[in-house]
């Protein structure tokens, strides 16, 4: 909702101002992550508001339209769009699952390396293991944003597909009503 967007914007702005007085790079990175999360939520809420507005426009158009051929065309268009977005949902879920497999492998490999480490190893080997574990840690952290994008896209595509399905259902009901009205 608009109030949620405004609240998140104010929080992000406050954190941004707070960053100006902080010297610790780690604190700034943490705040940046929070701000990125707020921005993601703002974009999601904004998208939801636009979708609701689009729903209202479609409903108004549908209620005003009595041309059966146009309604049939719109049903076909919405059915095609629903199928398209359902396919996009599946694609994003597949990407997400593939990324999860990669991340699980990285995590497993890092765990193996950690168990390999002990005090009897030469310092050089311990350093190598630590560097490899850190590479895995950095890679997992880097891919987190990618996963968030997949999840955001999945939700957006799912909501859009659902909206088109609702339009199909509503227009079919309108067609049934118009047919009954013609018979009467």
Foldseek 3Di string as FASTA:
>chain_A
DVVLLVVLVVVLVVLVVVLVPDDDPVVNVVSVVSSVVSVLVNVLVVLVVVVVVVLVVLVVVLVVDPPLVVLVVLLVVLLVLLVVLVVVLVVLVVVLVVVVVVLVVLVVVLVVLVVVDDPPDDPVSVVVSVVSNVVSVVVNVVCVVVNVVSVSSNVSSNVSSVSSVVSSVVSVVVSVVSVVVVVD
